[in-house]
Protein backbone atom coordinates (compact mmCIF):
# COMPACT_ATOMS: atom_id res chain seq x y z
CA MET A 1 100.27 80.50 111.82
CA LYS A 2 100.75 76.72 111.85
CA HIS A 3 99.06 74.62 109.16
CA LYS A 4 98.19 70.94 109.43
CA SER A 5 98.94 70.29 105.78
CA TYR A 6 100.38 72.56 103.12
CA ILE A 7 102.64 72.86 100.09
CA LEU A 8 106.07 74.49 100.26
CA ILE A 9 107.11 76.19 97.00
CA LEU A 10 110.83 76.70 96.38
CA ASP A 11 111.13 79.75 94.14
CA PHE A 12 113.80 79.72 91.42
CA GLY A 13 112.75 83.12 90.10
CA SER A 14 109.83 82.30 87.82
CA GLN A 15 107.44 85.08 86.86
CA TYR A 16 104.64 82.55 87.51
CA THR A 17 105.55 81.47 91.07
CA GLN A 18 102.73 83.45 92.69
CA LEU A 19 100.29 81.82 90.27
CA ILE A 20 101.35 78.40 91.56
CA ALA A 21 100.60 79.47 95.14
CA ARG A 22 97.25 80.95 94.20
CA ASN A 23 96.21 77.86 92.21
CA ILE A 24 96.94 75.70 95.24
CA ARG A 25 94.97 77.95 97.56
CA GLU A 26 92.00 77.82 95.21
CA ASN A 27 91.90 74.12 96.16
CA ASN A 28 91.58 75.10 99.86
CA VAL A 29 95.17 74.08 100.54
CA TYR A 30 97.64 76.47 102.12
CA SER A 31 100.83 77.21 100.16
CA GLU A 32 103.97 79.07 101.11
CA ILE A 33 106.73 80.46 98.88
CA VAL A 34 110.35 80.41 100.07
CA PRO A 35 113.65 81.07 98.24
CA CYS A 36 115.24 78.08 96.50
CA THR A 37 118.20 78.64 98.85
CA PHE A 38 116.09 77.22 101.70
CA SER A 39 118.13 74.45 103.36
CA VAL A 40 117.02 70.85 103.83
CA GLU A 41 116.98 71.42 107.59
CA GLN A 42 114.67 74.40 107.17
CA ILE A 43 112.39 72.30 104.96
CA LYS A 44 112.33 69.51 107.56
CA ASN A 45 111.36 72.00 110.26
CA LYS A 46 108.50 73.26 108.11
CA MET A 47 107.17 69.70 107.71
CA PRO A 48 105.33 70.30 104.39
CA SER A 49 102.95 67.76 102.87
CA GLY A 50 104.48 68.35 99.45
CA ILE A 51 107.16 70.42 97.73
CA ILE A 52 107.00 72.26 94.42
CA LEU A 53 110.12 73.49 92.62
CA SER A 54 109.17 76.50 90.49
CA GLY A 55 110.39 77.53 87.07
CA GLY A 56 113.16 80.05 86.61
CA PRO A 57 115.12 82.03 84.03
CA ASP A 58 118.47 80.21 84.45
CA SER A 59 120.05 77.32 82.56
CA VAL A 60 121.23 74.41 84.74
CA ASN A 61 124.36 74.25 82.58
CA THR A 62 125.71 77.69 83.56
CA PRO A 63 128.44 77.80 86.25
CA ASP A 64 126.41 79.83 88.78
CA ALA A 65 123.06 78.12 88.12
CA LEU A 66 120.68 77.78 91.04
CA SER A 67 120.40 74.19 92.22
CA VAL A 68 118.61 71.99 94.73
CA ASP A 69 119.96 69.71 97.47
CA ARG A 70 119.75 66.04 96.45
CA GLU A 71 118.66 65.20 100.00
CA ILE A 72 115.25 66.81 99.32
CA PHE A 73 114.36 63.67 97.37
CA THR A 74 115.00 61.48 100.44
CA LEU A 75 112.57 63.26 102.78
CA ASN A 76 109.64 60.99 101.89
CA VAL A 77 107.72 64.08 100.74
CA PRO A 78 106.34 64.22 97.17
CA VAL A 79 108.09 66.73 94.90
CA LEU A 80 106.71 68.38 91.76
CA GLY A 81 109.24 70.09 89.49
CA ILE A 82 107.88 72.68 87.05
CA CYS A 83 110.00 73.73 84.02
CA TYR A 84 113.39 74.71 85.52
CA GLY A 85 112.32 72.88 88.68
CA MET A 86 112.04 69.69 86.64
CA GLN A 87 115.34 70.27 84.84
CA VAL A 88 117.34 70.98 87.99
CA SER A 89 115.91 67.83 89.61
CA VAL A 90 116.78 65.67 86.60
CA ASN A 91 120.27 67.18 86.60
CA VAL A 92 120.87 66.56 90.31
CA LEU A 93 119.55 62.97 90.12
CA GLY A 94 121.88 61.92 87.29
CA GLY A 95 120.08 62.82 84.09
CA LYS A 96 121.26 65.19 81.38
CA ILE A 97 120.05 68.60 80.23
CA VAL A 98 121.07 70.06 76.86
CA SER A 99 120.56 73.40 75.18
CA SER A 100 118.15 72.57 72.42
CA GLU A 101 118.40 74.12 68.96
CA ILE A 102 114.60 74.18 68.88
CA ARG A 103 113.13 76.20 71.74
CA GLU A 104 109.53 76.10 72.92
CA TYR A 105 107.87 79.35 73.95
CA GLY A 106 104.10 79.66 74.07
CA LEU A 107 101.38 77.14 73.25
CA ALA A 108 102.35 73.54 72.49
CA HIS A 109 100.36 70.33 72.17
CA VAL A 110 101.12 67.12 74.07
CA THR A 111 100.30 63.46 73.64
CA ARG A 112 100.42 60.54 76.09
CA VAL A 113 103.43 58.28 76.26
CA GLU A 114 102.07 56.15 79.09
CA GLU A 115 98.47 55.65 80.22
CA GLU A 116 99.05 55.07 83.94
CA SER A 117 99.76 58.34 85.74
CA LEU A 118 98.51 59.75 89.04
CA LEU A 119 99.48 63.23 87.88
CA LEU A 120 97.20 62.91 84.85
CA LYS A 121 94.29 61.14 86.56
CA GLY A 122 91.03 62.24 84.96
CA VAL A 123 92.81 64.23 82.23
CA ASN A 124 91.65 63.57 78.69
CA VAL A 125 94.88 64.40 76.88
CA GLU A 126 93.26 64.00 73.45
CA GLU A 127 90.89 66.90 74.23
CA GLU A 128 92.96 68.84 76.81
CA ASN A 129 96.28 68.79 75.02
CA SER A 130 97.24 72.50 74.98
CA VAL A 131 100.05 73.46 77.38
CA TRP A 132 102.16 76.57 77.95
CA MET A 133 105.87 76.03 77.32
CA SER A 134 108.69 78.44 78.14
CA HIS A 135 112.10 76.79 77.85
CA GLY A 136 115.30 76.72 75.82
CA ASP A 137 117.06 73.81 77.57
CA THR A 138 115.53 70.35 77.43
CA VAL A 139 115.98 66.95 79.08
CA SER A 140 117.95 64.56 76.86
CA ILE A 141 118.57 61.65 79.28
CA LEU A 142 116.35 60.71 82.24
CA PRO A 143 117.81 59.49 85.57
CA ASP A 144 117.18 55.97 86.88
CA TYR A 145 113.59 55.19 87.90
CA PHE A 146 112.21 58.00 85.67
CA HIS A 147 109.81 57.51 82.78
CA ALA A 148 107.96 59.86 80.42
CA VAL A 149 104.17 60.23 80.54
CA LEU A 150 103.72 63.13 78.06
CA LYS A 151 105.61 64.38 75.03
CA SER A 152 105.27 67.24 72.58
CA GLU A 153 106.44 67.48 68.97
CA THR A 154 109.85 68.83 70.01
CA CYS A 155 110.06 67.72 73.67
CA PRO A 156 110.17 63.95 74.35
CA PHE A 157 109.86 64.49 78.11
CA ALA A 158 107.02 67.02 78.52
CA ALA A 159 105.95 65.26 81.72
CA VAL A 160 107.86 62.65 83.69
CA GLU A 161 107.36 60.57 86.83
CA ALA A 162 109.56 58.69 89.27
CA PRO A 163 107.09 57.33 91.86
CA LYS A 164 109.84 55.36 93.61
CA LEU A 165 111.54 58.71 94.39
CA GLY A 166 108.27 60.56 94.94
CA PHE A 167 109.14 62.89 92.06
CA TYR A 168 106.90 64.26 89.32
CA GLY A 169 108.01 66.72 86.65
CA LEU A 170 106.40 68.99 84.07
CA GLN A 171 108.31 70.83 81.35
CA PHE A 172 105.29 73.09 80.86
CA HIS A 173 103.51 75.47 83.27
CA PRO A 174 100.28 74.02 84.72
CA GLU A 175 99.66 77.21 86.72
CA VAL A 176 98.88 79.44 83.72
CA THR A 177 95.42 79.53 82.17
CA HIS A 178 96.74 78.55 78.72
CA THR A 179 97.42 75.00 79.98
CA GLN A 180 94.01 73.39 79.54
CA ALA A 181 94.33 70.67 82.20
CA GLY A 182 96.59 72.69 84.48
CA LYS A 183 94.14 72.96 87.38
CA LYS A 184 93.40 69.21 87.26
CA ILE A 185 97.12 68.38 87.27
CA ILE A 186 97.78 70.59 90.29
CA ALA A 187 94.76 69.11 92.09
CA ASN A 188 96.05 65.60 91.35
CA PHE A 189 99.41 66.45 92.89
CA LEU A 190 97.67 67.77 96.01
CA PHE A 191 95.07 65.10 96.56
CA GLU A 192 96.14 61.95 94.67
CA ILE A 193 99.87 62.17 95.34
CA CYS A 194 100.32 64.25 98.53
CA LYS A 195 97.02 62.98 100.05
CA ILE A 196 96.30 66.44 101.47
CA LYS A 197 93.09 67.30 103.31
CA PRO A 198 91.74 70.65 102.01
CA ASP A 199 91.44 72.62 105.26
CA TRP A 200 92.50 76.14 104.20
CA SER A 201 89.54 78.54 104.23
CA MET A 202 89.01 82.15 105.16
CA SER A 203 86.77 81.23 108.08
CA SER A 204 89.45 78.94 109.55
CA PHE A 205 92.04 81.66 108.89
CA ILE A 206 89.97 84.19 110.85
CA ASP A 207 89.48 81.83 113.82
CA GLU A 208 93.18 80.98 114.04
CA THR A 209 94.33 84.58 113.55
CA VAL A 210 92.00 85.90 116.27
CA LYS A 211 93.41 83.32 118.74
CA GLU A 212 96.96 84.17 117.73
CA ILE A 213 96.48 87.94 118.16
CA ARG A 214 94.92 87.43 121.60
CA ASN A 215 97.83 85.27 122.69
CA ILE A 216 100.43 87.74 121.44
CA VAL A 217 98.82 90.95 122.72
CA GLY A 218 97.47 89.88 126.11
CA ASP A 219 96.24 93.01 127.89
CA LYS A 220 98.53 95.50 126.09
CA LYS A 221 97.52 98.42 123.83
CA VAL A 222 97.66 98.31 120.03
CA ILE A 223 97.52 101.06 117.41
CA SER A 224 96.81 100.86 113.68
CA ALA A 225 96.84 103.30 110.79
CA ILE A 226 93.75 103.21 108.56
CA SER A 227 93.89 104.78 105.13
CA GLY A 228 90.32 103.88 104.23
CA GLY A 229 91.58 101.19 101.87
CA VAL A 230 90.61 97.52 102.00
CA ASP A 231 93.89 96.14 103.43
CA SER A 232 94.27 98.52 106.37
CA THR A 233 90.56 98.31 107.22
CA VAL A 234 90.38 94.51 107.15
CA SER A 235 93.58 94.13 109.20
CA SER A 236 92.32 96.63 111.79
CA PHE A 237 88.85 95.09 111.99
CA LEU A 238 90.31 91.58 112.36
CA THR A 239 92.52 92.84 115.20
CA HIS A 240 89.52 94.58 116.79
CA LYS A 241 87.60 91.28 116.63
CA ALA A 242 90.42 89.75 118.69
CA ILE A 243 91.10 92.46 121.32
CA GLY A 244 88.26 94.99 121.12
CA ASP A 245 88.93 98.43 122.60
CA GLN A 246 92.58 97.65 123.27
CA LEU A 247 92.98 98.76 119.65
CA THR A 248 93.04 102.42 118.63
CA SER A 249 92.93 103.13 114.89
CA VAL A 250 94.18 106.41 113.43
CA PHE A 251 92.61 107.86 110.28
CA VAL A 252 94.36 110.89 108.80
CA ASP A 253 92.68 113.20 106.29
CA ASN A 254 95.61 114.51 104.27
CA GLY A 255 93.42 116.70 102.09
CA LEU A 256 94.15 114.47 99.11
CA LEU A 257 91.17 112.14 99.40
CA ARG A 258 88.31 111.72 96.95
CA LYS A 259 85.04 113.63 97.21
CA GLY A 260 83.28 112.85 100.50
CA GLU A 261 85.85 110.15 101.29
CA ALA A 262 86.71 111.20 104.84
CA GLU A 263 83.06 111.32 105.91
CA LYS A 264 82.24 107.97 104.25
CA VAL A 265 85.25 106.19 105.76
CA LEU A 266 84.66 107.57 109.25
CA TYR A 267 80.99 106.59 109.16
CA MET A 268 81.82 103.07 108.07
CA LEU A 269 84.64 102.58 110.60
CA ARG A 270 82.79 103.99 113.58
CA GLU A 271 79.12 103.30 112.90
CA LYS A 272 79.23 100.14 110.80
CA LEU A 273 82.32 98.40 112.18
CA GLY A 274 82.38 99.86 115.70
CA LEU A 275 86.10 100.69 115.67
CA ASN A 276 87.69 103.14 118.08
CA VAL A 277 89.01 105.72 115.59
CA ASP A 278 91.07 108.83 116.21
CA PHE A 279 90.44 111.24 113.33
CA VAL A 280 93.15 113.75 112.42
CA ASP A 281 92.40 116.51 109.93
CA ALA A 282 95.86 117.41 108.66
CA SER A 283 94.80 118.66 105.24
CA GLU A 284 96.17 122.18 105.75
CA LEU A 285 99.56 120.83 106.87
CA PHE A 286 99.87 118.51 103.85
CA LEU A 287 98.80 121.18 101.36
CA SER A 288 101.20 123.76 102.82
CA ARG A 289 104.09 121.34 102.42
CA LEU A 290 103.07 120.43 98.87
CA LYS A 291 102.84 124.04 97.75
CA ASP A 292 104.81 124.67 94.52
CA ILE A 293 106.11 121.06 94.45
CA ASP A 294 106.08 119.73 90.87
CA ASP A 295 108.32 116.68 91.11
CA PRO A 296 106.25 113.48 91.71
CA GLU A 297 108.93 111.79 93.82
CA GLN A 298 109.18 114.85 96.03
CA LYS A 299 105.41 114.80 96.45
CA ARG A 300 105.50 111.17 97.54
CA LYS A 301 108.29 111.75 100.05
CA ILE A 302 106.62 114.81 101.56
CA ILE A 303 103.32 112.95 101.93
CA GLY A 304 104.99 109.86 103.40
CA ASN A 305 107.16 111.75 105.87
CA THR A 306 104.31 113.99 107.00
CA PHE A 307 102.08 110.98 107.59
CA ILE A 308 104.76 109.28 109.70
CA GLU A 309 105.25 112.44 111.72
CA ILE A 310 101.52 112.71 112.49
CA PHE A 311 101.23 109.00 113.26
CA ALA A 312 104.13 109.21 115.73
CA GLU A 313 102.43 112.10 117.52
CA GLU A 314 99.15 110.19 117.77
CA ALA A 315 100.92 107.13 119.17
CA LYS A 316 102.45 109.28 121.93
CA LYS A 317 99.04 110.74 122.77
CA THR A 318 97.55 107.26 123.13
CA GLY A 319 100.37 106.24 125.46
CA GLY A 320 101.57 102.78 126.47
CA VAL A 321 101.22 101.33 122.97
CA SER A 322 103.15 98.08 122.52
CA PHE A 323 102.03 96.89 119.08
CA LEU A 324 101.52 98.35 115.61
CA VAL A 325 99.07 96.77 113.15
CA GLN A 326 100.07 96.80 109.48
CA GLY A 327 98.12 95.65 106.44
CA THR A 328 101.09 93.80 104.92
CA LEU A 329 100.01 91.26 102.27
CA TYR A 330 101.74 88.08 101.11
CA PRO A 331 103.05 89.59 97.84
CA ASP A 332 104.86 92.22 99.97
CA VAL A 333 106.50 89.45 101.98
CA ILE A 334 107.47 87.49 98.85
CA GLU A 335 109.01 90.54 97.17
CA SER A 336 111.08 91.29 100.27
CA VAL A 337 112.99 88.00 99.87
CA SER A 338 115.20 87.38 96.85
CA VAL A 339 115.57 83.89 95.38
CA LYS A 340 119.31 84.49 95.57
CA GLY A 341 119.38 85.56 99.20
CA PRO A 342 119.20 88.81 101.16
CA SER A 343 121.75 90.64 99.00
CA ALA A 344 119.22 91.10 96.20
CA VAL A 345 116.05 91.90 98.12
CA ILE A 346 113.46 93.66 95.96
CA LYS A 347 111.82 95.81 98.65
CA SER A 348 110.99 95.98 102.34
CA HIS A 349 107.63 94.43 103.17
CA HIS A 350 106.84 96.96 105.89
CA ASN A 351 104.17 98.85 104.06
CA VAL A 352 104.01 101.73 106.52
CA GLY A 353 107.66 102.25 105.58
CA GLY A 354 110.33 104.35 107.21
CA LEU A 355 108.99 104.33 110.75
CA PRO A 356 111.06 106.48 113.15
CA LYS A 357 113.66 104.52 115.11
CA ASP A 358 112.22 105.68 118.44
CA MET A 359 108.86 104.01 117.68
CA GLN A 360 109.61 100.74 119.42
CA PHE A 361 106.52 98.74 118.51
CA GLU A 362 106.19 95.03 117.87
CA LEU A 363 104.47 94.37 114.56
CA ILE A 364 101.15 92.61 114.10
CA GLU A 365 100.53 91.74 110.45
CA PRO A 366 97.27 89.76 110.38
CA LEU A 367 97.13 89.54 106.57
CA ARG A 368 100.74 88.69 105.80
CA GLU A 369 99.77 85.19 104.59
CA LEU A 370 97.07 86.41 102.19
CA PHE A 371 96.80 87.51 98.58
CA LYS A 372 94.57 90.48 97.70
CA ASP A 373 91.62 88.34 96.62
CA GLU A 374 91.83 86.42 99.90
CA VAL A 375 91.80 89.68 101.87
CA ARG A 376 88.54 90.57 100.15
CA LYS A 377 87.11 87.16 101.12
CA VAL A 378 88.16 87.71 104.74
CA GLY A 379 86.43 91.09 104.68
CA VAL A 380 83.20 89.47 103.47
CA GLU A 381 83.48 86.74 106.15
CA LEU A 382 83.90 89.47 108.78
CA GLY A 383 80.69 91.12 107.64
CA ILE A 384 82.20 94.19 105.99
CA SER A 385 79.86 95.42 103.26
CA LYS A 386 80.51 94.14 99.75
CA ASP A 387 80.41 97.70 98.38
CA PHE A 388 83.44 98.56 100.49
CA ILE A 389 85.30 95.28 99.95
CA GLN A 390 85.04 95.57 96.16
CA ARG A 391 86.39 99.13 96.08
CA GLN A 392 88.96 99.83 93.41
CA PRO A 393 92.54 100.51 94.60
CA PHE A 394 93.40 104.08 95.55
CA PRO A 395 97.04 105.28 95.71
CA GLY A 396 98.62 106.12 99.07
CA PRO A 397 99.63 109.66 97.95
CA GLY A 398 96.01 110.21 96.91
CA LEU A 399 94.99 112.83 94.38
CA ALA A 400 98.41 114.51 94.60
CA ILE A 401 99.73 112.11 91.94
CA ARG A 402 96.66 112.61 89.75
CA ILE A 403 97.33 116.35 89.57
CA LEU A 404 100.38 116.92 87.40
CA GLY A 405 102.40 119.84 88.70
CA GLY A 406 101.67 121.83 91.84
CA VAL A 407 98.80 120.84 94.12
CA THR A 408 96.29 123.54 95.16
CA LYS A 409 92.83 123.55 96.75
CA GLU A 410 91.31 124.77 93.49
CA LYS A 411 92.84 121.96 91.46
CA LEU A 412 91.84 119.38 94.09
CA ASN A 413 88.24 120.58 94.02
CA SER A 414 88.09 120.36 90.22
CA LEU A 415 89.64 116.89 90.19
CA ARG A 416 87.36 115.63 92.98
CA ASP A 417 84.27 116.71 91.06
CA ALA A 418 85.52 115.18 87.80
CA ASP A 419 86.57 111.97 89.51
CA ALA A 420 83.19 111.63 91.21
CA ILE A 421 81.47 111.89 87.82
CA VAL A 422 83.71 109.18 86.33
CA LEU A 423 82.95 106.76 89.17
CA GLU A 424 79.26 107.59 89.26
CA GLU A 425 78.74 106.94 85.55
CA ILE A 426 80.83 103.75 85.52
CA LYS A 427 78.79 102.42 88.45
CA LYS A 428 75.54 103.34 86.68
CA ALA A 429 76.78 101.38 83.64
CA GLY A 430 77.35 98.32 85.88
CA LEU A 431 81.06 98.20 85.05
CA TYR A 432 82.64 99.23 88.35
CA GLU A 433 83.51 95.74 89.66
CA GLU A 434 84.79 94.62 86.25
CA ILE A 435 87.37 97.41 86.16
CA TRP A 436 90.60 97.35 88.17
CA GLN A 437 90.84 101.14 88.42
CA SER A 438 88.92 104.05 86.93
CA PHE A 439 89.60 107.70 87.72
CA ALA A 440 90.24 111.23 86.45
CA VAL A 441 93.58 113.04 86.09
CA LEU A 442 94.05 116.82 85.91
CA LEU A 443 96.71 118.07 83.47
CA PRO A 444 98.58 121.39 83.59
CA VAL A 445 97.55 121.84 79.96
CA LYS A 446 95.15 124.57 78.90
CA SER A 447 93.33 124.82 75.61
CA VAL A 448 90.80 127.08 73.94
CA GLY A 449 87.14 126.24 74.14
CA VAL A 450 83.74 127.83 73.66
CA MET A 451 80.99 127.76 76.27
CA GLY A 452 77.83 129.56 75.27
CA ASP A 453 79.09 132.52 73.29
CA ALA A 454 82.23 132.99 75.39
CA ARG A 455 85.77 131.90 74.66
CA THR A 456 87.37 129.80 77.41
CA TYR A 457 90.97 128.87 78.14
CA GLU A 458 90.85 126.12 80.70
CA ASN A 459 92.35 122.80 81.89
CA THR A 460 92.35 119.34 80.35
CA CYS A 461 91.00 116.30 82.20
CA VAL A 462 92.11 112.74 81.40
CA VAL A 463 89.82 109.76 82.03
CA ARG A 464 91.69 106.54 82.84
CA ALA A 465 90.18 103.04 83.13
CA VAL A 466 92.21 99.82 83.14
CA GLU A 467 91.58 96.10 83.47
CA SER A 468 94.05 93.98 85.43
CA SER A 469 94.21 91.02 87.81
CA ASP A 470 96.96 92.29 90.11
CA GLY A 471 98.03 95.77 88.99
CA MET A 472 101.41 94.51 87.77
CA THR A 473 100.28 94.68 84.15
CA SER A 474 97.13 96.21 82.70
CA ASN A 475 95.26 97.03 79.51
CA PHE A 476 93.08 100.08 78.98
CA CYS A 477 89.36 99.34 79.09
CA HIS A 478 87.35 99.58 75.89
CA LEU A 479 84.60 101.64 77.48
CA PRO A 480 81.49 102.10 75.32
CA TYR A 481 81.50 105.35 73.34
CA PRO A 482 78.10 106.45 74.71
CA LEU A 483 79.50 106.09 78.26
CA LEU A 484 82.63 108.11 77.40
CA ASN A 485 80.44 110.71 75.74
CA LYS A 486 78.27 111.05 78.86
CA ILE A 487 81.29 111.30 81.17
CA SER A 488 82.87 113.96 78.95
CA ASN A 489 79.70 116.03 78.66
CA ARG A 490 79.08 115.96 82.40
CA ILE A 491 82.64 116.93 83.35
CA ILE A 492 82.75 119.84 80.90
CA ASN A 493 79.27 121.07 81.89
CA GLU A 494 79.50 120.55 85.65
CA VAL A 495 83.16 121.06 86.65
CA LYS A 496 84.59 124.55 86.76
CA GLY A 497 88.01 125.01 85.16
CA ILE A 498 87.81 122.08 82.70
CA ASN A 499 86.82 122.49 79.05
CA ARG A 500 88.41 119.41 77.44
CA VAL A 501 88.28 115.67 78.26
CA VAL A 502 90.55 112.99 76.74
CA TYR A 503 90.69 109.21 77.22
CA ASP A 504 93.96 107.43 78.08
CA ILE A 505 94.46 104.38 75.83
CA SER A 506 97.89 103.37 77.19
CA SER A 507 98.64 99.95 78.66
CA LYS A 508 101.10 98.93 81.38
CA PRO A 509 103.86 98.43 80.38
CA PRO A 510 105.15 100.69 78.89
CA SER A 511 102.95 103.24 80.69
CA THR A 512 101.97 103.07 84.36
CA ILE A 513 98.42 103.00 85.71
CA GLU A 514 98.86 106.25 87.64
CA TRP A 515 100.22 109.29 85.83
CA GLU A 516 102.84 110.06 88.48
């Protein structure tokens, strides 16, 4: 999709690069992340309104350090260098970077060196002086036309400007919440320096995407796979808005869904959203192939390969399909491109993954420019119910990776009932939307219990609830004891085969959110 005005972010490998993009988008300005190896010609072709050079883990003084083309500073486009992005710019433009004996990691406090600064317009540095530093190297000599506007106790050039060159630099990270005036500084770069008009919104995204899909598809047939999750549903519904019944969506019940999930998803897709959905009940096939499989990786591969096999068969039945819709998100695209080029790619962004070579479809990825929170906003704009849009993430392999060891119908039924109780009680407590994920896990661990006057020897259930912003890291939720007590009592009293409930208090890392 073409954008009238936007920011191009050159990624030098910072762990915070996605935060920069998201901060910009919160200002209703589109942002795009590309590797720092992007050439000047490629940048010219993109015609950005501004350029941001991200932080990174390297030192500019190492032989193989990532660098930036000096010509970028002659494009008449404002440039903001953050941390390493500032250092590499100073280095290229004739300044000097040294390895400091005193490093700055974490919170630091800054003071003004110069009052006049577009980057700091409206910032009260005396009150908003906390910034987040993360650097070992430091600038010792500034290039010509540069001057300092902020300093810290150990860093004389915490923020610098060279308006004649259109360059602005920050040694700290404005994109993290610990930097008090970070959002103001980013907004100043967008609106005071780049003079950008804020025209990025989910409604404009929907309008442009609908036009684009219509132009690409014409009168041809399209197929999509719907898992019942937010991403696949929103991408399919957006495509349906563009081309109507030319789209056929396929929903497969693999027998590993939550209690009542298949019925709920089908009702919503068909009755609420009006999608043309082919329903495939393949639960027996999946369970037969998972029989006696203990290894979690084997489970995942069996589930993935079986899904692809079924999807290929459904595509043939539909006939004449030219396009495949995928719910690829922007983080998938970012992670598929290494900052050091294609040799170090993190993962493929094709989230359906491993499609057979004889499935010659062109891809339609309506959400490939969006972050997860933006996908939810698109869903709301499209009229999809808030209850569905705010659903917690559910793993592709389903309950198979929440049952440790072999998967059987009996175990699935026990886990479904326990899981339903967990979700029901958390919703009653008004905590569902505050929690990233909450669910039950069934362990292959039996222990002695007493029910009534009888001795029992039954399974253990784990309750897991975590808080997170993106699923990359998480902390366990401090659920109220009365709530945990109610969940435990209900599971033990109402679910056959479980006589003990424990609560998982592990964070990620070192643990993972899912147990397998």
